Amino acid sequence: MEKIGTITVSVFRNENNQTDFQIQTDNENILPVSYVIEDTLKKY
């Protein structure tokens, strides 16, 4: 298989114990995969 990109997920927690996340991709071709991850994390 050929690697086509990397997705990085950073998770943050504030003083109220609420979590948030940031998703970064290094290639536009993998944006659809990052959208699936983002939608899944929103349900978390």
Protein backbone atom coordinates (compact mmCIF):
# COMPACT_ATOMS: atom_id res chain seq x y z
CA MET A 1 0.00 0.00 0.00
CA GLU A 2 1.04 3.59 -0.60
CA LYS A 3 0.67 6.20 2.12
CA ILE A 4 -1.34 9.16 0.83
CA GLY A 5 -1.55 11.32 3.94
CA THR A 6 -1.68 11.74 7.68
CA ILE A 7 -4.52 12.85 9.93
CA THR A 8 -3.67 14.28 13.35
CA VAL A 9 -6.32 14.57 16.07
CA SER A 10 -5.59 16.78 19.07
CA VAL A 11 -7.93 16.61 22.07
CA PHE A 12 -8.28 19.43 24.59
CA ARG A 13 -10.05 19.74 27.96
CA ASN A 14 -10.92 23.03 29.65
CA GLU A 15 -11.32 23.82 33.34
CA ASN A 16 -15.01 22.82 33.18
CA ASN A 17 -14.00 19.33 32.04
CA GLN A 18 -15.43 19.93 28.55
CA THR A 19 -13.51 18.44 25.65
CA ASP A 20 -12.83 19.83 22.21
CA PHE A 21 -10.71 18.59 19.34
CA GLN A 22 -8.77 19.78 16.34
CA ILE A 23 -8.22 17.72 13.20
CA GLN A 24 -5.39 18.43 10.78
CA THR A 25 -4.60 16.74 7.48
CA ASP A 26 -1.50 17.03 5.35
CA ASN A 27 -3.23 16.22 2.07
CA GLU A 28 -6.55 17.40 0.62
CA ASN A 29 -7.17 13.92 -0.81
CA ILE A 30 -7.85 12.56 2.68
CA LEU A 31 -10.28 15.29 3.76
CA PRO A 32 -13.31 12.96 3.40
CA VAL A 33 -11.78 10.61 5.97
CA SER A 34 -11.15 13.52 8.35
CA TYR A 35 -14.82 14.53 8.01
CA VAL A 36 -15.91 11.07 9.13
CA ILE A 37 -13.60 11.32 12.16
CA GLU A 38 -14.91 14.80 12.96
CA ASP A 39 -18.56 13.68 12.75
CA THR A 40 -17.83 10.71 15.00
CA LEU A 41 -16.05 12.85 17.60
CA LYS A 42 -18.95 15.29 17.71
CA LYS A 43 -21.10 12.43 19.00
CA TYR A 44 -18.59 11.72 21.79
